[in-house]
Amino acid sequence: MENMKSLQKLVYELVEKHNLEISPELRYLDLTSEVGEVGKELLKGSNYGKEEFQKTDNLELELGDTFFSLICIANSLDLDLEKALLKVLEKYQNRFSEKGSIGSEKVKDSNN
């Protein structure tokens, strides 16, 4: 199994080899487009909410496209995605320990 650093390296090498580098801002637009494609597959998998969800043939590829775009953004900004993920997992664990939820909203005191 590949670790995140080796996945980032594989993506970097592919982008370099085929001259696919674009600015992070443009890659972000690509990422949002790919997230939309994931949403489309999720909707198709439930017949737009009319049926129980079933994985579509393209869902895995669309998730892969999304992940590729996210890795490209991280690579272009020289960010370590494994480090970023570990930080956010710690943040969520701390929030859950403190508030019983991972959400960022503050819990209202029932006495106020």
PDB file of N, CA and C in Angstrom:
ATOM      1  N   MET A   1       0.843  -1.185   0.000  1.00  0.00           N
ATOM      2  CA  MET A   1       0.000   0.000   0.000  1.00  0.00           C
ATOM      3  C   MET A   1       0.883   1.240   0.000  1.00  0.00           C
ATOM      4  N   GLU A   2       0.507   2.192  -0.781  1.00  0.00           N
ATOM      5  CA  GLU A   2       1.253   3.440  -0.883  1.00  0.00           C
ATOM      6  C   GLU A   2       0.920   4.340   0.307  1.00  0.00           C
ATOM      7  N   ASN A   3       1.928   5.067   0.784  1.00  0.00           N
ATOM      8  CA  ASN A   3       1.626   6.080   1.781  1.00  0.00           C
ATOM      9  C   ASN A   3       1.395   7.404   1.060  1.00  0.00           C
ATOM     10  N   MET A   4       0.961   8.391   1.790  1.00  0.00           N
ATOM     11  CA  MET A   4       0.582   9.655   1.170  1.00  0.00           C
ATOM     12  C   MET A   4       1.764  10.320   0.471  1.00  0.00           C
ATOM     13  N   LYS A   5       2.944  10.292   1.088  1.00  0.00           N
ATOM     14  CA  LYS A   5       4.114  10.912   0.469  1.00  0.00           C
ATOM     15  C   LYS A   5       4.429  10.280  -0.881  1.00  0.00           C
ATOM     16  N   SER A   6       4.320   8.965  -0.964  1.00  0.00           N
ATOM     17  CA  SER A   6       4.620   8.312  -2.244  1.00  0.00           C
ATOM     18  C   SER A   6       3.518   8.594  -3.269  1.00  0.00           C
ATOM     19  N   LEU A   7       2.276   8.743  -2.821  1.00  0.00           N
ATOM     20  CA  LEU A   7       1.203   9.120  -3.742  1.00  0.00           C
ATOM     21  C   LEU A   7       1.427  10.537  -4.266  1.00  0.00           C
ATOM     22  N   GLN A   8       1.821  11.441  -3.383  1.00  0.00           N
ATOM     23  CA  GLN A   8       2.099  12.803  -3.825  1.00  0.00           C
ATOM     24  C   GLN A   8       3.249  12.803  -4.827  1.00  0.00           C
ATOM     25  N   LYS A   9       4.240  11.955  -4.608  1.00  0.00           N
ATOM     26  CA  LYS A   9       5.371  11.877  -5.536  1.00  0.00           C
ATOM     27  C   LYS A   9       4.931  11.327  -6.894  1.00  0.00           C
ATOM     28  N   LEU A  10       4.091  10.298  -6.885  1.00  0.00           N
ATOM     29  CA  LEU A  10       3.587   9.740  -8.148  1.00  0.00           C
ATOM     30  C   LEU A  10       2.835  10.787  -8.958  1.00  0.00           C
ATOM     31  N   VAL A  11       1.989  11.548  -8.281  1.00  0.00           N
ATOM     32  CA  VAL A  11       1.224  12.600  -8.964  1.00  0.00           C
ATOM     33  C   VAL A  11       2.179  13.669  -9.482  1.00  0.00           C
ATOM     34  N   TYR A  12       3.137  14.068  -8.654  1.00  0.00           N
ATOM     35  CA  TYR A  12       4.118  15.065  -9.074  1.00  0.00           C
ATOM     36  C   TYR A  12       4.841  14.617 -10.344  1.00  0.00           C
ATOM     37  N   GLU A  13       5.292  13.365 -10.359  1.00  0.00           N
ATOM     38  CA  GLU A  13       6.026  12.846 -11.520  1.00  0.00           C
ATOM     39  C   GLU A  13       5.160  12.815 -12.776  1.00  0.00           C
ATOM     40  N   LEU A  14       3.896  12.439 -12.640  1.00  0.00           N
ATOM     41  CA  LEU A  14       2.985  12.422 -13.790  1.00  0.00           C
ATOM     42  C   LEU A  14       2.762  13.829 -14.331  1.00  0.00           C
ATOM     43  N   VAL A  15       2.531  14.771 -13.435  1.00  0.00           N
ATOM     44  CA  VAL A  15       2.299  16.155 -13.824  1.00  0.00           C
ATOM     45  C   VAL A  15       3.540  16.714 -14.523  1.00  0.00           C
ATOM     46  N   GLU A  16       4.705  16.443 -13.961  1.00  0.00           N
ATOM     47  CA  GLU A  16       5.954  16.917 -14.575  1.00  0.00           C
ATOM     48  C   GLU A  16       6.181  16.288 -15.949  1.00  0.00           C
ATOM     49  N   LYS A  17       5.999  14.975 -16.032  1.00  0.00           N
ATOM     50  CA  LYS A  17       6.258  14.247 -17.272  1.00  0.00           C
ATOM     51  C   LYS A  17       5.391  14.743 -18.423  1.00  0.00           C
ATOM     52  N   HIS A  18       4.143  15.067 -18.120  1.00  0.00           N
ATOM     53  CA  HIS A  18       3.194  15.451 -19.169  1.00  0.00           C
ATOM     54  C   HIS A  18       2.902  16.956 -19.197  1.00  0.00           C
ATOM     55  N   ASN A  19       3.717  17.716 -18.455  1.00  0.00           N
ATOM     56  CA  ASN A  19       3.592  19.171 -18.437  1.00  0.00           C
ATOM     57  C   ASN A  19       2.155  19.616 -18.107  1.00  0.00           C
ATOM     58  N   LEU A  20       1.625  19.090 -17.032  1.00  0.00           N
ATOM     59  CA  LEU A  20       0.242  19.362 -16.629  1.00  0.00           C
ATOM     60  C   LEU A  20       0.127  20.398 -15.510  1.00  0.00           C
ATOM     61  N   GLU A  21       1.233  21.030 -15.156  1.00  0.00           N
ATOM     62  CA  GLU A  21       1.200  21.985 -14.054  1.00  0.00           C
ATOM     63  C   GLU A  21       0.362  23.201 -14.424  1.00  0.00           C
ATOM     64  N   ILE A  22      -0.548  23.560 -13.525  1.00  0.00           N
ATOM     65  CA  ILE A  22      -1.325  24.792 -13.646  1.00  0.00           C
ATOM     66  C   ILE A  22      -1.328  25.459 -12.278  1.00  0.00           C
ATOM     67  N   SER A  23      -1.747  26.678 -12.212  1.00  0.00           N
ATOM     68  CA  SER A  23      -1.738  27.412 -10.942  1.00  0.00           C
ATOM     69  C   SER A  23      -2.698  26.753  -9.950  1.00  0.00           C
ATOM     70  N   PRO A  24      -2.431  26.939  -8.664  1.00  0.00           N
ATOM     71  CA  PRO A  24      -3.346  26.390  -7.650  1.00  0.00           C
ATOM     72  C   PRO A  24      -4.774  26.896  -7.816  1.00  0.00           C
ATOM     73  N   GLU A  25      -4.925  28.156  -8.265  1.00  0.00           N
ATOM     74  CA  GLU A  25      -6.267  28.713  -8.449  1.00  0.00           C
ATOM     75  C   GLU A  25      -7.031  27.969  -9.544  1.00  0.00           C
ATOM     76  N   LEU A  26      -6.341  27.676 -10.640  1.00  0.00           N
ATOM     77  CA  LEU A  26      -6.997  26.918 -11.712  1.00  0.00           C
ATOM     78  C   LEU A  26      -7.232  25.464 -11.302  1.00  0.00           C
ATOM     79  N   ARG A  27      -6.290  24.921 -10.562  1.00  0.00           N
ATOM     80  CA  ARG A  27      -6.466  23.543 -10.089  1.00  0.00           C
ATOM     81  C   ARG A  27      -7.651  23.476  -9.130  1.00  0.00           C
ATOM     82  N   TYR A  28      -7.864  24.539  -8.353  1.00  0.00           N
ATOM     83  CA  TYR A  28      -9.018  24.587  -7.460  1.00  0.00           C
ATOM     84  C   TYR A  28     -10.325  24.517  -8.267  1.00  0.00           C
ATOM     85  N   LEU A  29     -10.369  25.231  -9.371  1.00  0.00           N
ATOM     86  CA  LEU A  29     -11.559  25.154 -10.228  1.00  0.00           C
ATOM     87  C   LEU A  29     -11.758  23.731 -10.735  1.00  0.00           C
ATOM     88  N   ASP A  30     -10.665  23.072 -11.094  1.00  0.00           N
ATOM     89  CA  ASP A  30     -10.723  21.684 -11.515  1.00  0.00           C
ATOM     90  C   ASP A  30     -11.241  20.800 -10.381  1.00  0.00           C
ATOM     91  N   LEU A  31     -10.746  21.041  -9.173  1.00  0.00           N
ATOM     92  CA  LEU A  31     -11.179  20.274  -8.008  1.00  0.00           C
ATOM     93  C   LEU A  31     -12.679  20.425  -7.777  1.00  0.00           C
ATOM     94  N   THR A  32     -13.182  21.644  -7.851  1.00  0.00           N
ATOM     95  CA  THR A  32     -14.619  21.838  -7.623  1.00  0.00           C
ATOM     96  C   THR A  32     -15.444  21.153  -8.706  1.00  0.00           C
ATOM     97  N   SER A  33     -14.939  21.157  -9.927  1.00  0.00           N
ATOM     98  CA  SER A  33     -15.616  20.449 -11.008  1.00  0.00           C
ATOM     99  C   SER A  33     -15.659  18.949 -10.720  1.00  0.00           C
ATOM    100  N   GLU A  34     -14.542  18.422 -10.251  1.00  0.00           N
ATOM    101  CA  GLU A  34     -14.484  16.982  -9.945  1.00  0.00           C
ATOM    102  C   GLU A  34     -15.395  16.625  -8.772  1.00  0.00           C
ATOM    103  N   VAL A  35     -15.469  17.496  -7.776  1.00  0.00           N
ATOM    104  CA  VAL A  35     -16.392  17.252  -6.657  1.00  0.00           C
ATOM    105  C   VAL A  35     -17.829  17.218  -7.179  1.00  0.00           C
ATOM    106  N   GLY A  36     -18.129  18.091  -8.137  1.00  0.00           N
ATOM    107  CA  GLY A  36     -19.454  18.067  -8.769  1.00  0.00           C
ATOM    108  C   GLY A  36     -19.729  16.747  -9.466  1.00  0.00           C
ATOM    109  N   GLU A  37     -18.708  16.176 -10.095  1.00  0.00           N
ATOM    110  CA  GLU A  37     -18.865  14.878 -10.752  1.00  0.00           C
ATOM    111  C   GLU A  37     -19.130  13.777  -9.727  1.00  0.00           C
ATOM    112  N   VAL A  38     -18.491  13.872  -8.553  1.00  0.00           N
ATOM    113  CA  VAL A  38     -18.779  12.913  -7.478  1.00  0.00           C
ATOM    114  C   VAL A  38     -20.238  13.048  -7.067  1.00  0.00           C
ATOM    115  N   GLY A  39     -20.686  14.288  -6.891  1.00  0.00           N
ATOM    116  CA  GLY A  39     -22.088  14.525  -6.537  1.00  0.00           C
ATOM    117  C   GLY A  39     -23.042  13.947  -7.559  1.00  0.00           C
ATOM    118  N   LYS A  40     -22.715  14.107  -8.818  1.00  0.00           N
ATOM    119  CA  LYS A  40     -23.552  13.564  -9.896  1.00  0.00           C
ATOM    120  C   LYS A  40     -23.650  12.038  -9.773  1.00  0.00           C
ATOM    121  N   GLU A  41     -22.529  11.386  -9.510  1.00  0.00           N
ATOM    122  CA  GLU A  41     -22.545   9.931  -9.362  1.00  0.00           C
ATOM    123  C   GLU A  41     -23.340   9.501  -8.133  1.00  0.00           C
ATOM    124  N   LEU A  42     -23.248  10.273  -7.055  1.00  0.00           N
ATOM    125  CA  LEU A  42     -24.034   9.952  -5.862  1.00  0.00           C
ATOM    126  C   LEU A  42     -25.526  10.082  -6.141  1.00  0.00           C
ATOM    127  N   LEU A  43     -25.893  11.125  -6.866  1.00  0.00           N
ATOM    128  CA  LEU A  43     -27.303  11.299  -7.237  1.00  0.00           C
ATOM    129  C   LEU A  43     -27.772  10.172  -8.160  1.00  0.00           C
ATOM    130  N   LYS A  44     -26.954   9.844  -9.146  1.00  0.00           N
ATOM    131  CA  LYS A  44     -27.315   8.758 -10.059  1.00  0.00           C
ATOM    132  C   LYS A  44     -27.452   7.432  -9.311  1.00  0.00           C
ATOM    133  N   GLY A  45     -26.589   7.234  -8.293  1.00  0.00           N
ATOM    134  CA  GLY A  45     -26.608   5.985  -7.536  1.00  0.00           C
ATOM    135  C   GLY A  45     -27.852   5.795  -6.688  1.00  0.00           C
ATOM    136  N   SER A  46     -28.582   6.874  -6.454  1.00  0.00           N
ATOM    137  CA  SER A  46     -29.834   6.776  -5.697  1.00  0.00           C
ATOM    138  C   SER A  46     -31.028   7.157  -6.557  1.00  0.00           C
ATOM    139  N   ASN A  47     -30.803   7.242  -7.867  1.00  0.00           N
ATOM    140  CA  ASN A  47     -31.848   7.707  -8.778  1.00  0.00           C
ATOM    141  C   ASN A  47     -32.443   9.007  -8.251  1.00  0.00           C
ATOM    142  N   TYR A  48     -31.513   9.920  -7.923  1.00  0.00           N
ATOM    143  CA  TYR A  48     -31.868  11.245  -7.415  1.00  0.00           C
ATOM    144  C   TYR A  48     -32.744  11.181  -6.163  1.00  0.00           C
ATOM    145  N   GLY A  49     -32.332  10.304  -5.242  1.00  0.00           N
ATOM    146  CA  GLY A  49     -32.993  10.201  -3.945  1.00  0.00           C
ATOM    147  C   GLY A  49     -34.235   9.341  -3.916  1.00  0.00           C
ATOM    148  N   LYS A  50     -34.562   8.702  -5.023  1.00  0.00           N
ATOM    149  CA  LYS A  50     -35.785   7.902  -5.092  1.00  0.00           C
ATOM    150  C   LYS A  50     -35.565   6.453  -4.669  1.00  0.00           C
ATOM    151  N   GLU A  51     -34.310   6.029  -4.615  1.00  0.00           N
ATOM    152  CA  GLU A  51     -34.000   4.636  -4.290  1.00  0.00           C
ATOM    153  C   GLU A  51     -32.848   4.589  -3.299  1.00  0.00           C
ATOM    154  N   GLU A  52     -32.629   3.419  -2.712  1.00  0.00           N
ATOM    155  CA  GLU A  52     -31.473   3.226  -1.848  1.00  0.00           C
ATOM    156  C   GLU A  52     -30.207   3.326  -2.702  1.00  0.00           C
ATOM    157  N   PHE A  53     -29.199   3.967  -2.158  1.00  0.00           N
ATOM    158  CA  PHE A  53     -27.974   4.211  -2.919  1.00  0.00           C
ATOM    159  C   PHE A  53     -27.259   2.918  -3.296  1.00  0.00           C
ATOM    160  N   GLN A  54     -26.832   2.861  -4.543  1.00  0.00           N
ATOM    161  CA  GLN A  54     -25.983   1.795  -5.071  1.00  0.00           C
ATOM    162  C   GLN A  54     -24.791   2.461  -5.747  1.00  0.00           C
ATOM    163  N   LYS A  55     -23.582   1.964  -5.483  1.00  0.00           N
ATOM    164  CA  LYS A  55     -22.399   2.538  -6.130  1.00  0.00           C
ATOM    165  C   LYS A  55     -22.528   2.452  -7.637  1.00  0.00           C
ATOM    166  N   THR A  56     -22.163   3.545  -8.293  1.00  0.00           N
ATOM    167  CA  THR A  56     -22.167   3.569  -9.751  1.00  0.00           C
ATOM    168  C   THR A  56     -20.805   3.092 -10.264  1.00  0.00           C
ATOM    169  N   ASP A  57     -20.765   2.735 -11.530  1.00  0.00           N
ATOM    170  CA  ASP A  57     -19.511   2.281 -12.134  1.00  0.00           C
ATOM    171  C   ASP A  57     -18.444   3.366 -12.119  1.00  0.00           C
ATOM    172  N   ASN A  58     -18.837   4.623 -12.211  1.00  0.00           N
ATOM    173  CA  ASN A  58     -17.877   5.727 -12.319  1.00  0.00           C
ATOM    174  C   ASN A  58     -17.519   6.396 -10.996  1.00  0.00           C
ATOM    175  N   LEU A  59     -18.155   6.013  -9.904  1.00  0.00           N
ATOM    176  CA  LEU A  59     -17.935   6.707  -8.633  1.00  0.00           C
ATOM    177  C   LEU A  59     -16.472   6.647  -8.202  1.00  0.00           C
ATOM    178  N   GLU A  60     -15.870   5.499  -8.272  1.00  0.00           N
ATOM    179  CA  GLU A  60     -14.481   5.359  -7.848  1.00  0.00           C
ATOM    180  C   GLU A  60     -13.551   6.238  -8.685  1.00  0.00           C
ATOM    181  N   LEU A  61     -13.770   6.264  -9.988  1.00  0.00           N
ATOM    182  CA  LEU A  61     -12.944   7.108 -10.861  1.00  0.00           C
ATOM    183  C   LEU A  61     -13.130   8.588 -10.554  1.00  0.00           C
ATOM    184  N   GLU A  62     -14.358   8.990 -10.297  1.00  0.00           N
ATOM    185  CA  GLU A  62     -14.612  10.400  -9.991  1.00  0.00           C
ATOM    186  C   GLU A  62     -13.972  10.790  -8.660  1.00  0.00           C
ATOM    187  N   LEU A  63     -14.013   9.898  -7.680  1.00  0.00           N
ATOM    188  CA  LEU A  63     -13.319  10.161  -6.420  1.00  0.00           C
ATOM    189  C   LEU A  63     -11.811  10.242  -6.659  1.00  0.00           C
ATOM    190  N   GLY A  64     -11.304   9.373  -7.516  1.00  0.00           N
ATOM    191  CA  GLY A  64      -9.891   9.407  -7.865  1.00  0.00           C
ATOM    192  C   GLY A  64      -9.506  10.706  -8.544  1.00  0.00           C
ATOM    193  N   ASP A  65     -10.340  11.193  -9.458  1.00  0.00           N
ATOM    194  CA  ASP A  65     -10.086  12.477 -10.113  1.00  0.00           C
ATOM    195  C   ASP A  65     -10.037  13.610  -9.089  1.00  0.00           C
ATOM    196  N   THR A  66     -10.957  13.560  -8.134  1.00  0.00           N
ATOM    197  CA  THR A  66     -11.003  14.574  -7.083  1.00  0.00           C
ATOM    198  C   THR A  66      -9.734  14.532  -6.238  1.00  0.00           C
ATOM    199  N   PHE A  67      -9.327  13.339  -5.863  1.00  0.00           N
ATOM    200  CA  PHE A  67      -8.124  13.161  -5.055  1.00  0.00           C
ATOM    201  C   PHE A  67      -6.888  13.631  -5.824  1.00  0.00           C
ATOM    202  N   PHE A  68      -6.824  13.310  -7.113  1.00  0.00           N
ATOM    203  CA  PHE A  68      -5.719  13.754  -7.956  1.00  0.00           C
ATOM    204  C   PHE A  68      -5.626  15.279  -7.942  1.00  0.00           C
ATOM    205  N   SER A  69      -6.747  15.949  -8.128  1.00  0.00           N
ATOM    206  CA  SER A  69      -6.751  17.413  -8.151  1.00  0.00           C
ATOM    207  C   SER A  69      -6.319  17.984  -6.808  1.00  0.00           C
ATOM    208  N   LEU A  70      -6.775  17.384  -5.722  1.00  0.00           N
ATOM    209  CA  LEU A  70      -6.390  17.844  -4.387  1.00  0.00           C
ATOM    210  C   LEU A  70      -4.891  17.652  -4.166  1.00  0.00           C
ATOM    211  N   ILE A  71      -4.367  16.509  -4.576  1.00  0.00           N
ATOM    212  CA  ILE A  71      -2.927  16.263  -4.446  1.00  0.00           C
ATOM    213  C   ILE A  71      -2.146  17.268  -5.279  1.00  0.00           C
ATOM    214  N   CYS A  72      -2.616  17.580  -6.477  1.00  0.00           N
ATOM    215  CA  CYS A  72      -1.937  18.577  -7.318  1.00  0.00           C
ATOM    216  C   CYS A  72      -1.867  19.927  -6.621  1.00  0.00           C
ATOM    217  N   ILE A  73      -2.943  20.319  -5.960  1.00  0.00           N
ATOM    218  CA  ILE A  73      -2.943  21.587  -5.231  1.00  0.00           C
ATOM    219  C   ILE A  73      -1.904  21.533  -4.113  1.00  0.00           C
ATOM    220  N   ALA A  74      -1.920  20.473  -3.337  1.00  0.00           N
ATOM    221  CA  ALA A  74      -0.955  20.332  -2.241  1.00  0.00           C
ATOM    222  C   ALA A  74       0.473  20.355  -2.769  1.00  0.00           C
ATOM    223  N   ASN A  75       0.712  19.633  -3.857  1.00  0.00           N
ATOM    224  CA  ASN A  75       2.059  19.598  -4.422  1.00  0.00           C
ATOM    225  C   ASN A  75       2.505  20.977  -4.895  1.00  0.00           C
ATOM    226  N   SER A  76       1.619  21.705  -5.557  1.00  0.00           N
ATOM    227  CA  SER A  76       2.009  23.014  -6.081  1.00  0.00           C
ATOM    228  C   SER A  76       2.276  24.010  -4.965  1.00  0.00           C
ATOM    229  N   LEU A  77       1.708  23.767  -3.796  1.00  0.00           N
ATOM    230  CA  LEU A  77       1.921  24.648  -2.645  1.00  0.00           C
ATOM    231  C   LEU A  77       2.943  24.074  -1.662  1.00  0.00           C
ATOM    232  N   ASP A  78       3.561  22.944  -2.049  1.00  0.00           N
ATOM    233  CA  ASP A  78       4.563  22.270  -1.231  1.00  0.00           C
ATOM    234  C   ASP A  78       4.023  21.929   0.161  1.00  0.00           C
ATOM    235  N   LEU A  79       2.818  21.358   0.176  1.00  0.00           N
ATOM    236  CA  LEU A  79       2.187  20.939   1.427  1.00  0.00           C
ATOM    237  C   LEU A  79       2.189  19.418   1.518  1.00  0.00           C
ATOM    238  N   ASP A  80       2.385  18.917   2.718  1.00  0.00           N
ATOM    239  CA  ASP A  80       2.388  17.484   2.999  1.00  0.00           C
ATOM    240  C   ASP A  80       0.969  17.091   3.424  1.00  0.00           C
ATOM    241  N   LEU A  81       0.267  16.362   2.557  1.00  0.00           N
ATOM    242  CA  LEU A  81      -1.127  15.998   2.853  1.00  0.00           C
ATOM    243  C   LEU A  81      -1.251  15.058   4.046  1.00  0.00           C
ATOM    244  N   GLU A  82      -0.287  14.189   4.240  1.00  0.00           N
ATOM    245  CA  GLU A  82      -0.336  13.290   5.402  1.00  0.00           C
ATOM    246  C   GLU A  82      -0.263  14.105   6.689  1.00  0.00           C
ATOM    247  N   LYS A  83       0.649  15.058   6.734  1.00  0.00           N
ATOM    248  CA  LYS A  83       0.780  15.939   7.896  1.00  0.00           C
ATOM    249  C   LYS A  83      -0.500  16.736   8.107  1.00  0.00           C
ATOM    250  N   ALA A  84      -1.068  17.262   7.018  1.00  0.00           N
ATOM    251  CA  ALA A  84      -2.309  18.040   7.111  1.00  0.00           C
ATOM    252  C   ALA A  84      -3.452  17.183   7.657  1.00  0.00           C
ATOM    253  N   LEU A  85      -3.559  15.956   7.168  1.00  0.00           N
ATOM    254  CA  LEU A  85      -4.630  15.069   7.629  1.00  0.00           C
ATOM    255  C   LEU A  85      -4.447  14.704   9.098  1.00  0.00           C
ATOM    256  N   LEU A  86      -3.223  14.407   9.499  1.00  0.00           N
ATOM    257  CA  LEU A  86      -2.979  14.078  10.902  1.00  0.00           C
ATOM    258  C   LEU A  86      -3.306  15.256  11.808  1.00  0.00           C
ATOM    259  N   LYS A  87      -2.999  16.477  11.373  1.00  0.00           N
ATOM    260  CA  LYS A  87      -3.339  17.669  12.156  1.00  0.00           C
ATOM    261  C   LYS A  87      -4.849  17.814  12.309  1.00  0.00           C
ATOM    262  N   VAL A  88      -5.578  17.602  11.216  1.00  0.00           N
ATOM    263  CA  VAL A  88      -7.028  17.786  11.290  1.00  0.00           C
ATOM    264  C   VAL A  88      -7.677  16.673  12.120  1.00  0.00           C
ATOM    265  N   LEU A  89      -7.139  15.461  12.055  1.00  0.00           N
ATOM    266  CA  LEU A  89      -7.668  14.387  12.903  1.00  0.00           C
ATOM    267  C   LEU A  89      -7.466  14.712  14.380  1.00  0.00           C
ATOM    268  N   GLU A  90      -6.309  15.275  14.700  1.00  0.00           N
ATOM    269  CA  GLU A  90      -6.058  15.696  16.089  1.00  0.00           C
ATOM    270  C   GLU A  90      -7.016  16.818  16.485  1.00  0.00           C
ATOM    271  N   LYS A  91      -7.236  17.768  15.583  1.00  0.00           N
ATOM    272  CA  LYS A  91      -8.163  18.873  15.851  1.00  0.00           C
ATOM    273  C   LYS A  91      -9.565  18.329  16.129  1.00  0.00           C
ATOM    274  N   TYR A  92     -10.011  17.401  15.287  1.00  0.00           N
ATOM    275  CA  TYR A  92     -11.346  16.835  15.479  1.00  0.00           C
ATOM    276  C   TYR A  92     -11.431  16.033  16.772  1.00  0.00           C
ATOM    277  N   GLN A  93     -10.380  15.287  17.094  1.00  0.00           N
ATOM    278  CA  GLN A  93     -10.383  14.519  18.341  1.00  0.00           C
ATOM    279  C   GLN A  93     -10.462  15.453  19.539  1.00  0.00           C
ATOM    280  N   ASN A  94      -9.718  16.545  19.494  1.00  0.00           N
ATOM    281  CA  ASN A  94      -9.766  17.526  20.591  1.00  0.00           C
ATOM    282  C   ASN A  94     -11.154  18.143  20.715  1.00  0.00           C
ATOM    283  N   ARG A  95     -11.754  18.512  19.583  1.00  0.00           N
ATOM    284  CA  ARG A  95     -13.108  19.080  19.621  1.00  0.00           C
ATOM    285  C   ARG A  95     -14.095  18.079  20.194  1.00  0.00           C
ATOM    286  N   PHE A  96     -13.974  16.834  19.782  1.00  0.00           N
ATOM    287  CA  PHE A  96     -14.910  15.820  20.274  1.00  0.00           C
ATOM    288  C   PHE A  96     -14.735  15.624  21.778  1.00  0.00           C
ATOM    289  N   SER A  97     -13.481  15.619  22.216  1.00  0.00           N
ATOM    290  CA  SER A  97     -13.209  15.462  23.649  1.00  0.00           C
ATOM    291  C   SER A  97     -13.762  16.626  24.451  1.00  0.00           C
ATOM    292  N   GLU A  98     -13.641  17.829  23.889  1.00  0.00           N
ATOM    293  CA  GLU A  98     -14.086  19.031  24.603  1.00  0.00           C
ATOM    294  C   GLU A  98     -15.589  19.274  24.507  1.00  0.00           C
ATOM    295  N   LYS A  99     -16.185  18.985  23.325  1.00  0.00           N
ATOM    296  CA  LYS A  99     -17.578  19.367  23.086  1.00  0.00           C
ATOM    297  C   LYS A  99     -18.505  18.207  22.759  1.00  0.00           C
ATOM    298  N   GLY A 100     -17.945  17.027  22.482  1.00  0.00           N
ATOM    299  CA  GLY A 100     -18.781  15.902  22.073  1.00  0.00           C
ATOM    300  C   GLY A 100     -19.189  15.961  20.617  1.00  0.00           C
ATOM    301  N   SER A 101     -18.537  16.854  19.853  1.00  0.00           N
ATOM    302  CA  SER A 101     -18.836  17.055  18.441  1.00  0.00           C
ATOM    303  C   SER A 101     -17.567  17.522  17.743  1.00  0.00           C
ATOM    304  N   ILE A 102     -17.442  17.211  16.441  1.00  0.00           N
ATOM    305  CA  ILE A 102     -16.277  17.704  15.707  1.00  0.00           C
ATOM    306  C   ILE A 102     -16.554  19.016  15.002  1.00  0.00           C
ATOM    307  N   GLY A 103     -17.778  19.516  15.081  1.00  0.00           N
ATOM    308  CA  GLY A 103     -18.127  20.776  14.433  1.00  0.00           C
ATOM    309  C   GLY A 103     -17.403  21.950  15.060  1.00  0.00           C
ATOM    310  N   SER A 104     -17.214  23.008  14.273  1.00  0.00           N
ATOM    311  CA  SER A 104     -16.485  24.180  14.772  1.00  0.00           C
ATOM    312  C   SER A 104     -17.389  25.154  15.517  1.00  0.00           C
ATOM    313  N   GLU A 105     -18.697  24.978  15.425  1.00  0.00           N
ATOM    314  CA  GLU A 105     -19.595  25.911  16.085  1.00  0.00           C
ATOM    315  C   GLU A 105     -19.509  25.721  17.593  1.00  0.00           C
ATOM    316  N   LYS A 106     -19.703  26.835  18.282  1.00  0.00           N
ATOM    317  CA  LYS A 106     -19.671  26.787  19.739  1.00  0.00           C
ATOM    318  C   LYS A 106     -21.016  26.298  20.260  1.00  0.00           C
ATOM    319  N   VAL A 107     -20.959  25.477  21.257  1.00  0.00           N
ATOM    320  CA  VAL A 107     -22.170  24.962  21.871  1.00  0.00           C
ATOM    321  C   VAL A 107     -22.703  26.045  22.802  1.00  0.00           C
ATOM    322  N   LYS A 108     -23.981  26.376  22.649  1.00  0.00           N
ATOM    323  CA  LYS A 108     -24.598  27.406  23.497  1.00  0.00           C
ATOM    324  C   LYS A 108     -24.821  26.849  24.892  1.00  0.00           C
ATOM    325  N   ASP A 109     -24.504  27.675  25.852  1.00  0.00           N
ATOM    326  CA  ASP A 109     -24.742  27.315  27.245  1.00  0.00           C
ATOM    327  C   ASP A 109     -26.242  27.432  27.502  1.00  0.00           C
ATOM    328  N   SER A 110     -26.844  26.402  28.031  1.00  0.00           N
ATOM    329  CA  SER A 110     -28.297  26.391  28.234  1.00  0.00           C
ATOM    330  C   SER A 110     -28.724  27.384  29.316  1.00  0.00           C
ATOM    331  N   ASN A 111     -27.771  27.907  30.099  1.00  0.00           N
ATOM    332  CA  ASN A 111     -28.098  28.876  31.131  1.00  0.00           C
ATOM    333  C   ASN A 111     -28.176  30.296  30.595  1.00  0.00           C
ATOM    334  N   ASN A 112     -27.750  30.518  29.340  1.00  0.00           N
ATOM    335  CA  ASN A 112     -27.776  31.879  28.764  1.00  0.00           C
ATOM    336  C   ASN A 112     -29.000  32.105  27.959  1.00  0.00           C
TER     337      ASN A 112
END
